Amino acid sequence: LMNSLKPEDTAVYYCAADPRSFFEGRWYRGLAYA
């Protein structure tokens, strides 16, 4: 859910998933996702 949207929010938005535990990964890195 995205509120108070700004022109700088314009982008293609991607979802990603990975089967590891939340505490195992650096989720800010794209490479963390399978």
PDB file of all heavy atoms in Angstrom:
ATOM      1  N   LEU A   1       0.859  -1.182   0.000  1.00  0.00           N
ATOM      2  CA  LEU A   1       0.000   0.000   0.000  1.00  0.00           C
ATOM      3  C   LEU A   1       0.895   1.233   0.000  1.00  0.00           C
ATOM      4  O   LEU A   1       1.734   1.383   0.887  1.00  0.00           O
ATOM      5  CB  LEU A   1      -0.905  -0.003   1.223  1.00  0.00           C
ATOM      6  CG  LEU A   1      -1.787   1.234   1.399  1.00  0.00           C
ATOM      7  CD1 LEU A   1      -2.756   1.392   0.234  1.00  0.00           C
ATOM      8  CD2 LEU A   1      -2.527   1.175   2.724  1.00  0.00           C
ATOM      9  N   MET A   2       0.687   2.078  -0.977  1.00  0.00           N
ATOM     10  CA  MET A   2       1.519   3.267  -1.133  1.00  0.00           C
ATOM     11  C   MET A   2       0.640   4.498  -1.022  1.00  0.00           C
ATOM     12  O   MET A   2      -0.299   4.676  -1.807  1.00  0.00           O
ATOM     13  CB  MET A   2       2.229   3.243  -2.489  1.00  0.00           C
ATOM     14  CG  MET A   2       3.056   1.986  -2.712  1.00  0.00           C
ATOM     15  SD  MET A   2       3.953   1.998  -4.264  1.00  0.00           S
ATOM     16  CE  MET A   2       2.607   1.952  -5.445  1.00  0.00           C
ATOM     17  N   ASN A   3       0.951   5.324  -0.033  1.00  0.00           N
ATOM     18  CA  ASN A   3       0.199   6.563   0.194  1.00  0.00           C
ATOM     19  C   ASN A   3       1.072   7.776  -0.080  1.00  0.00           C
ATOM     20  O   ASN A   3       2.303   7.674  -0.133  1.00  0.00           O
ATOM     21  CB  ASN A   3      -0.299   6.610   1.634  1.00  0.00           C
ATOM     22  CG  ASN A   3      -1.313   5.529   1.929  1.00  0.00           C
ATOM     23  OD1 ASN A   3      -2.176   5.221   1.109  1.00  0.00           O
ATOM     24  ND2 ASN A   3      -1.227   4.947   3.115  1.00  0.00           N
ATOM     25  N   SER A   4       0.424   8.912  -0.219  1.00  0.00           N
ATOM     26  CA  SER A   4       1.131  10.184  -0.425  1.00  0.00           C
ATOM     27  C   SER A   4       2.172  10.060  -1.528  1.00  0.00           C
ATOM     28  O   SER A   4       3.330  10.462  -1.348  1.00  0.00           O
ATOM     29  CB  SER A   4       1.791  10.626   0.888  1.00  0.00           C
ATOM     30  OG  SER A   4       0.837  10.741   1.909  1.00  0.00           O
ATOM     31  N   LEU A   5       1.756   9.539  -2.625  1.00  0.00           N
ATOM     32  CA  LEU A   5       2.693   9.277  -3.716  1.00  0.00           C
ATOM     33  C   LEU A   5       3.229  10.556  -4.327  1.00  0.00           C
ATOM     34  O   LEU A   5       2.523  11.577  -4.417  1.00  0.00           O
ATOM     35  CB  LEU A   5       2.025   8.418  -4.783  1.00  0.00           C
ATOM     36  CG  LEU A   5       1.886   6.945  -4.392  1.00  0.00           C
ATOM     37  CD1 LEU A   5       0.900   6.225  -5.294  1.00  0.00           C
ATOM     38  CD2 LEU A   5       3.243   6.253  -4.427  1.00  0.00           C
ATOM     39  N   LYS A   6       4.474  10.478  -4.742  1.00  0.00           N
ATOM     40  CA  LYS A   6       5.182  11.613  -5.330  1.00  0.00           C
ATOM     41  C   LYS A   6       5.669  11.220  -6.725  1.00  0.00           C
ATOM     42  O   LYS A   6       5.842  10.024  -7.005  1.00  0.00           O
ATOM     43  CB  LYS A   6       6.387  11.968  -4.455  1.00  0.00           C
ATOM     44  CG  LYS A   6       6.091  12.137  -2.994  1.00  0.00           C
ATOM     45  CD  LYS A   6       7.368  12.283  -2.191  1.00  0.00           C
ATOM     46  CE  LYS A   6       7.094  12.355  -0.707  1.00  0.00           C
ATOM     47  NZ  LYS A   6       8.353  12.461   0.088  1.00  0.00           N
ATOM     48  N   PRO A   7       5.945  12.181  -7.552  1.00  0.00           N
ATOM     49  CA  PRO A   7       6.466  11.854  -8.883  1.00  0.00           C
ATOM     50  C   PRO A   7       7.738  10.998  -8.828  1.00  0.00           C
ATOM     51  O   PRO A   7       7.945  10.152  -9.705  1.00  0.00           O
ATOM     52  CB  PRO A   7       6.738  13.226  -9.496  1.00  0.00           C
ATOM     53  CG  PRO A   7       5.740  14.114  -8.849  1.00  0.00           C
ATOM     54  CD  PRO A   7       5.634  13.611  -7.434  1.00  0.00           C
ATOM     55  N   GLU A   8       8.548  11.197  -7.812  1.00  0.00           N
ATOM     56  CA  GLU A   8       9.770  10.399  -7.699  1.00  0.00           C
ATOM     57  C   GLU A   8       9.517   8.947  -7.319  1.00  0.00           C
ATOM     58  O   GLU A   8      10.444   8.133  -7.311  1.00  0.00           O
ATOM     59  CB  GLU A   8      10.742  11.038  -6.697  1.00  0.00           C
ATOM     60  CG  GLU A   8      10.129  11.397  -5.370  1.00  0.00           C
ATOM     61  CD  GLU A   8       9.691  12.854  -5.301  1.00  0.00           C
ATOM     62  OE1 GLU A   8       9.087  13.354  -6.285  1.00  0.00           O
ATOM     63  OE2 GLU A   8       9.958  13.480  -4.256  1.00  0.00           O
ATOM     64  N   ASP A   9       8.276   8.598  -7.018  1.00  0.00           N
ATOM     65  CA  ASP A   9       7.919   7.194  -6.794  1.00  0.00           C
ATOM     66  C   ASP A   9       7.637   6.463  -8.101  1.00  0.00           C
ATOM     67  O   ASP A   9       7.417   5.253  -8.099  1.00  0.00           O
ATOM     68  CB  ASP A   9       6.683   7.097  -5.893  1.00  0.00           C
ATOM     69  CG  ASP A   9       6.947   7.590  -4.488  1.00  0.00           C
ATOM     70  OD1 ASP A   9       8.021   7.272  -3.931  1.00  0.00           O
ATOM     71  OD2 ASP A   9       6.080   8.299  -3.945  1.00  0.00           O
ATOM     72  N   THR A  10       7.639   7.199  -9.188  1.00  0.00           N
ATOM     73  CA  THR A  10       7.417   6.588 -10.494  1.00  0.00           C
ATOM     74  C   THR A  10       8.514   5.579 -10.797  1.00  0.00           C
ATOM     75  O   THR A  10       9.699   5.903 -10.759  1.00  0.00           O
ATOM     76  CB  THR A  10       7.385   7.669 -11.589  1.00  0.00           C
ATOM     77  OG1 THR A  10       6.243   8.510 -11.380  1.00  0.00           O
ATOM     78  CG2 THR A  10       7.295   7.033 -12.967  1.00  0.00           C
ATOM     79  N   ALA A  11       8.104   4.352 -11.068  1.00  0.00           N
ATOM     80  CA  ALA A  11       9.058   3.270 -11.299  1.00  0.00           C
ATOM     81  C   ALA A  11       8.296   2.006 -11.664  1.00  0.00           C
ATOM     82  O   ALA A  11       7.066   1.945 -11.533  1.00  0.00           O
ATOM     83  CB  ALA A  11       9.903   3.018 -10.052  1.00  0.00           C
ATOM     84  N   VAL A  12       9.046   1.022 -12.082  1.00  0.00           N
ATOM     85  CA  VAL A  12       8.493  -0.331 -12.180  1.00  0.00           C
ATOM     86  C   VAL A  12       8.737  -1.003 -10.842  1.00  0.00           C
ATOM     87  O   VAL A  12       9.866  -1.007 -10.341  1.00  0.00           O
ATOM     88  CB  VAL A  12       9.154  -1.139 -13.315  1.00  0.00           C
ATOM     89  CG1 VAL A  12       8.591  -2.560 -13.333  1.00  0.00           C
ATOM     90  CG2 VAL A  12       8.927  -0.455 -14.658  1.00  0.00           C
ATOM     91  N   TYR A  13       7.689  -1.548 -10.268  1.00  0.00           N
ATOM     92  CA  TYR A  13       7.777  -2.178  -8.958  1.00  0.00           C
ATOM     93  C   TYR A  13       7.785  -3.694  -9.133  1.00  0.00           C
ATOM     94  O   TYR A  13       6.935  -4.257  -9.832  1.00  0.00           O
ATOM     95  CB  TYR A  13       6.608  -1.746  -8.089  1.00  0.00           C
ATOM     96  CG  TYR A  13       6.772  -0.346  -7.548  1.00  0.00           C
ATOM     97  CD1 TYR A  13       6.653   0.763  -8.390  1.00  0.00           C
ATOM     98  CD2 TYR A  13       7.078  -0.125  -6.211  1.00  0.00           C
ATOM     99  CE1 TYR A  13       6.832   2.047  -7.914  1.00  0.00           C
ATOM    100  CE2 TYR A  13       7.251   1.161  -5.725  1.00  0.00           C
ATOM    101  CZ  TYR A  13       7.129   2.238  -6.574  1.00  0.00           C
ATOM    102  OH  TYR A  13       7.312   3.510  -6.091  1.00  0.00           O
ATOM    103  N   TYR A  14       8.729  -4.313  -8.463  1.00  0.00           N
ATOM    104  CA  TYR A  14       8.914  -5.757  -8.557  1.00  0.00           C
ATOM    105  C   TYR A  14       8.731  -6.402  -7.194  1.00  0.00           C
ATOM    106  O   TYR A  14       9.198  -5.879  -6.183  1.00  0.00           O
ATOM    107  CB  TYR A  14      10.319  -6.088  -9.056  1.00  0.00           C
ATOM    108  CG  TYR A  14      10.650  -5.571 -10.428  1.00  0.00           C
ATOM    109  CD1 TYR A  14      11.222  -4.323 -10.607  1.00  0.00           C
ATOM    110  CD2 TYR A  14      10.397  -6.351 -11.557  1.00  0.00           C
ATOM    111  CE1 TYR A  14      11.531  -3.848 -11.868  1.00  0.00           C
ATOM    112  CE2 TYR A  14      10.709  -5.887 -12.829  1.00  0.00           C
ATOM    113  CZ  TYR A  14      11.273  -4.639 -12.976  1.00  0.00           C
ATOM    114  OH  TYR A  14      11.582  -4.182 -14.233  1.00  0.00           O
ATOM    115  N   CYS A  15       8.101  -7.563  -7.190  1.00  0.00           N
ATOM    116  CA  CYS A  15       8.068  -8.357  -5.967  1.00  0.00           C
ATOM    117  C   CYS A  15       9.087  -9.485  -6.093  1.00  0.00           C
ATOM    118  O   CYS A  15       9.435  -9.895  -7.208  1.00  0.00           O
ATOM    119  CB  CYS A  15       6.678  -8.915  -5.697  1.00  0.00           C
ATOM    120  SG  CYS A  15       6.001  -9.971  -6.985  1.00  0.00           S
ATOM    121  N   ALA A  16       9.539  -9.945  -4.961  1.00  0.00           N
ATOM    122  CA  ALA A  16      10.550 -10.989  -4.925  1.00  0.00           C
ATOM    123  C   ALA A  16      10.294 -11.883  -3.724  1.00  0.00           C
ATOM    124  O   ALA A  16       9.653 -11.473  -2.754  1.00  0.00           O
ATOM    125  CB  ALA A  16      11.944 -10.372  -4.853  1.00  0.00           C
ATOM    126  N   ALA A  17      10.834 -13.095  -3.788  1.00  0.00           N
ATOM    127  CA  ALA A  17      10.605 -14.061  -2.716  1.00  0.00           C
ATOM    128  C   ALA A  17      11.854 -14.898  -2.480  1.00  0.00           C
ATOM    129  O   ALA A  17      12.655 -15.129  -3.398  1.00  0.00           O
ATOM    130  CB  ALA A  17       9.441 -14.986  -3.084  1.00  0.00           C
ATOM    131  N   ASP A  18      11.994 -15.331  -1.237  1.00  0.00           N
ATOM    132  CA  ASP A  18      13.102 -16.216  -0.902  1.00  0.00           C
ATOM    133  C   ASP A  18      12.689 -17.120   0.251  1.00  0.00           C
ATOM    134  O   ASP A  18      12.023 -16.665   1.178  1.00  0.00           O
ATOM    135  CB  ASP A  18      14.337 -15.403  -0.513  1.00  0.00           C
ATOM    136  CG  ASP A  18      15.572 -16.276  -0.448  1.00  0.00           C
ATOM    137  OD1 ASP A  18      16.208 -16.459  -1.506  1.00  0.00           O
ATOM    138  OD2 ASP A  18      15.876 -16.788   0.642  1.00  0.00           O
ATOM    139  N   PRO A  19      13.113 -18.386   0.214  1.00  0.00           N
ATOM    140  CA  PRO A  19      12.649 -19.343   1.224  1.00  0.00           C
ATOM    141  C   PRO A  19      13.416 -19.336   2.552  1.00  0.00           C
ATOM    142  O   PRO A  19      13.069 -20.080   3.465  1.00  0.00           O
ATOM    143  CB  PRO A  19      12.835 -20.695   0.519  1.00  0.00           C
ATOM    144  CG  PRO A  19      13.981 -20.467  -0.408  1.00  0.00           C
ATOM    145  CD  PRO A  19      13.835 -19.047  -0.872  1.00  0.00           C
ATOM    146  N   ARG A  20      14.428 -18.505   2.689  1.00  0.00           N
ATOM    147  CA  ARG A  20      15.177 -18.507   3.941  1.00  0.00           C
ATOM    148  C   ARG A  20      14.423 -17.772   5.050  1.00  0.00           C
ATOM    149  O   ARG A  20      13.484 -17.025   4.801  1.00  0.00           O
ATOM    150  CB  ARG A  20      16.546 -17.859   3.733  1.00  0.00           C
ATOM    151  CG  ARG A  20      17.490 -18.693   2.898  1.00  0.00           C
ATOM    152  CD  ARG A  20      18.770 -17.924   2.636  1.00  0.00           C
ATOM    153  NE  ARG A  20      18.528 -16.766   1.793  1.00  0.00           N
ATOM    154  CZ  ARG A  20      19.366 -15.765   1.653  1.00  0.00           C
ATOM    155  NH1 ARG A  20      20.498 -15.754   2.332  1.00  0.00           N
ATOM    156  NH2 ARG A  20      19.076 -14.747   0.847  1.00  0.00           N
ATOM    157  N   SER A  21      14.893 -17.986   6.250  1.00  0.00           N
ATOM    158  CA  SER A  21      14.350 -17.276   7.393  1.00  0.00           C
ATOM    159  C   SER A  21      14.641 -15.781   7.269  1.00  0.00           C
ATOM    160  O   SER A  21      15.661 -15.378   6.693  1.00  0.00           O
ATOM    161  CB  SER A  21      14.982 -17.800   8.685  1.00  0.00           C
ATOM    162  OG  SER A  21      14.739 -16.921   9.759  1.00  0.00           O
ATOM    163  N   PHE A  22      13.759 -14.968   7.820  1.00  0.00           N
ATOM    164  CA  PHE A  22      13.935 -13.514   7.728  1.00  0.00           C
ATOM    165  C   PHE A  22      15.257 -13.060   8.334  1.00  0.00           C
ATOM    166  O   PHE A  22      15.854 -12.070   7.893  1.00  0.00           O
ATOM    167  CB  PHE A  22      12.774 -12.817   8.428  1.00  0.00           C
ATOM    168  CG  PHE A  22      12.703 -11.345   8.151  1.00  0.00           C
ATOM    169  CD1 PHE A  22      12.168 -10.879   6.962  1.00  0.00           C
ATOM    170  CD2 PHE A  22      13.183 -10.421   9.073  1.00  0.00           C
ATOM    171  CE1 PHE A  22      12.105  -9.524   6.688  1.00  0.00           C
ATOM    172  CE2 PHE A  22      13.125  -9.063   8.809  1.00  0.00           C
ATOM    173  CZ  PHE A  22      12.580  -8.611   7.613  1.00  0.00           C
ATOM    174  N   PHE A  23      15.728 -13.775   9.307  1.00  0.00           N
ATOM    175  CA  PHE A  23      16.940 -13.345  10.005  1.00  0.00           C
ATOM    176  C   PHE A  23      18.204 -13.877   9.353  1.00  0.00           C
ATOM    177  O   PHE A  23      19.303 -13.647   9.852  1.00  0.00           O
ATOM    178  CB  PHE A  23      16.848 -13.757  11.471  1.00  0.00           C
ATOM    179  CG  PHE A  23      15.660 -13.148  12.150  1.00  0.00           C
ATOM    180  CD1 PHE A  23      14.519 -13.884  12.373  1.00  0.00           C
ATOM    181  CD2 PHE A  23      15.671 -11.814  12.524  1.00  0.00           C
ATOM    182  CE1 PHE A  23      13.409 -13.321  12.970  1.00  0.00           C
ATOM    183  CE2 PHE A  23      14.573 -11.238  13.127  1.00  0.00           C
ATOM    184  CZ  PHE A  23      13.446 -12.002  13.349  1.00  0.00           C
ATOM    185  N   GLU A  24      18.047 -14.545   8.236  1.00  0.00           N
ATOM    186  CA  GLU A  24      19.201 -15.098   7.520  1.00  0.00           C
ATOM    187  C   GLU A  24      19.687 -14.210   6.396  1.00  0.00           C
ATOM    188  O   GLU A  24      20.801 -14.386   5.912  1.00  0.00           O
ATOM    189  CB  GLU A  24      18.850 -16.466   6.942  1.00  0.00           C
ATOM    190  CG  GLU A  24      18.616 -17.549   7.961  1.00  0.00           C
ATOM    191  CD  GLU A  24      18.379 -18.892   7.282  1.00  0.00           C
ATOM    192  OE1 GLU A  24      19.291 -19.380   6.582  1.00  0.00           O
ATOM    193  OE2 GLU A  24      17.269 -19.425   7.439  1.00  0.00           O
ATOM    194  N   GLY A  25      18.861 -13.315   5.925  1.00  0.00           N
ATOM    195  CA  GLY A  25      19.214 -12.596   4.706  1.00  0.00           C
ATOM    196  C   GLY A  25      19.326 -11.097   4.873  1.00  0.00           C
ATOM    197  O   GLY A  25      18.803 -10.510   5.812  1.00  0.00           O
ATOM    198  N   ARG A  26      20.054 -10.515   3.945  1.00  0.00           N
ATOM    199  CA  ARG A  26      20.125  -9.065   3.850  1.00  0.00           C
ATOM    200  C   ARG A  26      19.101  -8.662   2.794  1.00  0.00           C
ATOM    201  O   ARG A  26      19.421  -8.573   1.609  1.00  0.00           O
ATOM    202  CB  ARG A  26      21.519  -8.630   3.442  1.00  0.00           C
ATOM    203  CG  ARG A  26      22.609  -9.105   4.381  1.00  0.00           C
ATOM    204  CD  ARG A  26      23.979  -8.648   3.900  1.00  0.00           C
ATOM    205  NE  ARG A  26      25.060  -9.324   4.588  1.00  0.00           N
ATOM    206  CZ  ARG A  26      26.342  -9.155   4.311  1.00  0.00           C
ATOM    207  NH1 ARG A  26      26.709  -8.321   3.363  1.00  0.00           N
ATOM    208  NH2 ARG A  26      27.250  -9.820   4.976  1.00  0.00           N
ATOM    209  N   TRP A  27      17.921  -8.417   3.209  1.00  0.00           N
ATOM    210  CA  TRP A  27      16.801  -8.305   2.296  1.00  0.00           C
ATOM    211  C   TRP A  27      16.782  -7.025   1.487  1.00  0.00           C
ATOM    212  O   TRP A  27      15.969  -6.881   0.579  1.00  0.00           O
ATOM    213  CB  TRP A  27      15.492  -8.489   3.057  1.00  0.00           C
ATOM    214  CG  TRP A  27      15.490  -9.781   3.789  1.00  0.00           C
ATOM    215  CD1 TRP A  27      15.488  -9.977   5.128  1.00  0.00           C
ATOM    216  CD2 TRP A  27      15.557 -11.097   3.204  1.00  0.00           C
ATOM    217  NE1 TRP A  27      15.540 -11.327   5.421  1.00  0.00           N
ATOM    218  CE2 TRP A  27      15.574 -12.029   4.265  1.00  0.00           C
ATOM    219  CE3 TRP A  27      15.591 -11.565   1.882  1.00  0.00           C
ATOM    220  CZ2 TRP A  27      15.641 -13.397   4.056  1.00  0.00           C
ATOM    221  CZ3 TRP A  27      15.647 -12.932   1.671  1.00  0.00           C
ATOM    222  CH2 TRP A  27      15.671 -13.837   2.734  1.00  0.00           C
ATOM    223  N   TYR A  28      17.669  -6.108   1.794  1.00  0.00           N
ATOM    224  CA  TYR A  28      17.782  -4.904   0.990  1.00  0.00           C
ATOM    225  C   TYR A  28      18.582  -5.157  -0.290  1.00  0.00           C
ATOM    226  O   TYR A  28      18.669  -4.306  -1.166  1.00  0.00           O
ATOM    227  CB  TYR A  28      18.446  -3.783   1.791  1.00  0.00           C
ATOM    228  CG  TYR A  28      19.794  -4.163   2.348  1.00  0.00           C
ATOM    229  CD1 TYR A  28      20.953  -3.981   1.599  1.00  0.00           C
ATOM    230  CD2 TYR A  28      19.905  -4.727   3.614  1.00  0.00           C
ATOM    231  CE1 TYR A  28      22.182  -4.337   2.099  1.00  0.00           C
ATOM    232  CE2 TYR A  28      21.139  -5.098   4.121  1.00  0.00           C
ATOM    233  CZ  TYR A  28      22.278  -4.903   3.356  1.00  0.00           C
ATOM    234  OH  TYR A  28      23.493  -5.256   3.847  1.00  0.00           O
ATOM    235  N   ARG A  29      19.158  -6.348  -0.379  1.00  0.00           N
ATOM    236  CA  ARG A  29      19.942  -6.710  -1.546  1.00  0.00           C
ATOM    237  C   ARG A  29      19.112  -7.576  -2.492  1.00  0.00           C
ATOM    238  O   ARG A  29      18.532  -8.579  -2.089  1.00  0.00           O
ATOM    239  CB  ARG A  29      21.189  -7.484  -1.141  1.00  0.00           C
ATOM    240  CG  ARG A  29      22.119  -6.741  -0.222  1.00  0.00           C
ATOM    241  CD  ARG A  29      23.308  -7.610   0.133  1.00  0.00           C
ATOM    242  NE  ARG A  29      24.122  -7.899  -1.039  1.00  0.00           N
ATOM    243  CZ  ARG A  29      24.973  -8.903  -1.110  1.00  0.00           C
ATOM    244  NH1 ARG A  29      25.126  -9.714  -0.072  1.00  0.00           N
ATOM    245  NH2 ARG A  29      25.686  -9.103  -2.194  1.00  0.00           N
ATOM    246  N   GLY A  30      19.074  -7.209  -3.738  1.00  0.00           N
ATOM    247  CA  GLY A  30      18.339  -7.991  -4.717  1.00  0.00           C
ATOM    248  C   GLY A  30      18.848  -9.420  -4.837  1.00  0.00           C
ATOM    249  O   GLY A  30      18.070 -10.339  -5.073  1.00  0.00           O
ATOM    250  N   LEU A  31      20.132  -9.591  -4.631  1.00  0.00           N
ATOM    251  CA  LEU A  31      20.726 -10.929  -4.755  1.00  0.00           C
ATOM    252  C   LEU A  31      20.241 -11.885  -3.675  1.00  0.00           C
ATOM    253  O   LEU A  31      20.460 -13.091  -3.772  1.00  0.00           O
ATOM    254  CB  LEU A  31      22.253 -10.819  -4.703  1.00  0.00           C
ATOM    255  CG  LEU A  31      22.908 -10.151  -5.908  1.00  0.00           C
ATOM    256  CD1 LEU A  31      24.408  -9.973  -5.662  1.00  0.00           C
ATOM    257  CD2 LEU A  31      22.664 -10.948  -7.178  1.00  0.00           C
ATOM    258  N   ALA A  32      19.599 -11.357  -2.629  1.00  0.00           N
ATOM    259  CA  ALA A  32      19.114 -12.206  -1.545  1.00  0.00           C
ATOM    260  C   ALA A  32      17.894 -13.023  -1.947  1.00  0.00           C
ATOM    261  O   ALA A  32      17.538 -13.973  -1.260  1.00  0.00           O
ATOM    262  CB  ALA A  32      18.773 -11.352  -0.331  1.00  0.00           C
ATOM    263  N   TYR A  33      17.259 -12.675  -3.047  1.00  0.00           N
ATOM    264  CA  TYR A  33      15.996 -13.285  -3.417  1.00  0.00           C
ATOM    265  C   TYR A  33      16.166 -14.306  -4.541  1.00  0.00           C
ATOM    266  O   TYR A  33      16.846 -14.056  -5.529  1.00  0.00           O
ATOM    267  CB  TYR A  33      14.999 -12.217  -3.842  1.00  0.00           C
ATOM    268  CG  TYR A  33      14.673 -11.251  -2.726  1.00  0.00           C
ATOM    269  CD1 TYR A  33      15.494 -10.162  -2.465  1.00  0.00           C
ATOM    270  CD2 TYR A  33      13.554 -11.435  -1.921  1.00  0.00           C
ATOM    271  CE1 TYR A  33      15.215  -9.287  -1.426  1.00  0.00           C
ATOM    272  CE2 TYR A  33      13.252 -10.561  -0.895  1.00  0.00           C
ATOM    273  CZ  TYR A  33      14.090  -9.492  -0.652  1.00  0.00           C
ATOM    274  OH  TYR A  33      13.813  -8.621   0.373  1.00  0.00           O
ATOM    275  N   ALA A  34      15.483 -15.421  -4.379  1.00  0.00           N
ATOM    276  CA  ALA A  34      15.576 -16.483  -5.371  1.00  0.00           C
ATOM    277  C   ALA A  34      14.566 -16.324  -6.507  1.00  0.00           C
ATOM    278  O   ALA A  34      14.791 -16.823  -7.608  1.00  0.00           O
ATOM    279  CB  ALA A  34      15.361 -17.831  -4.699  1.00  0.00           C
TER     280      ALA A  34
END
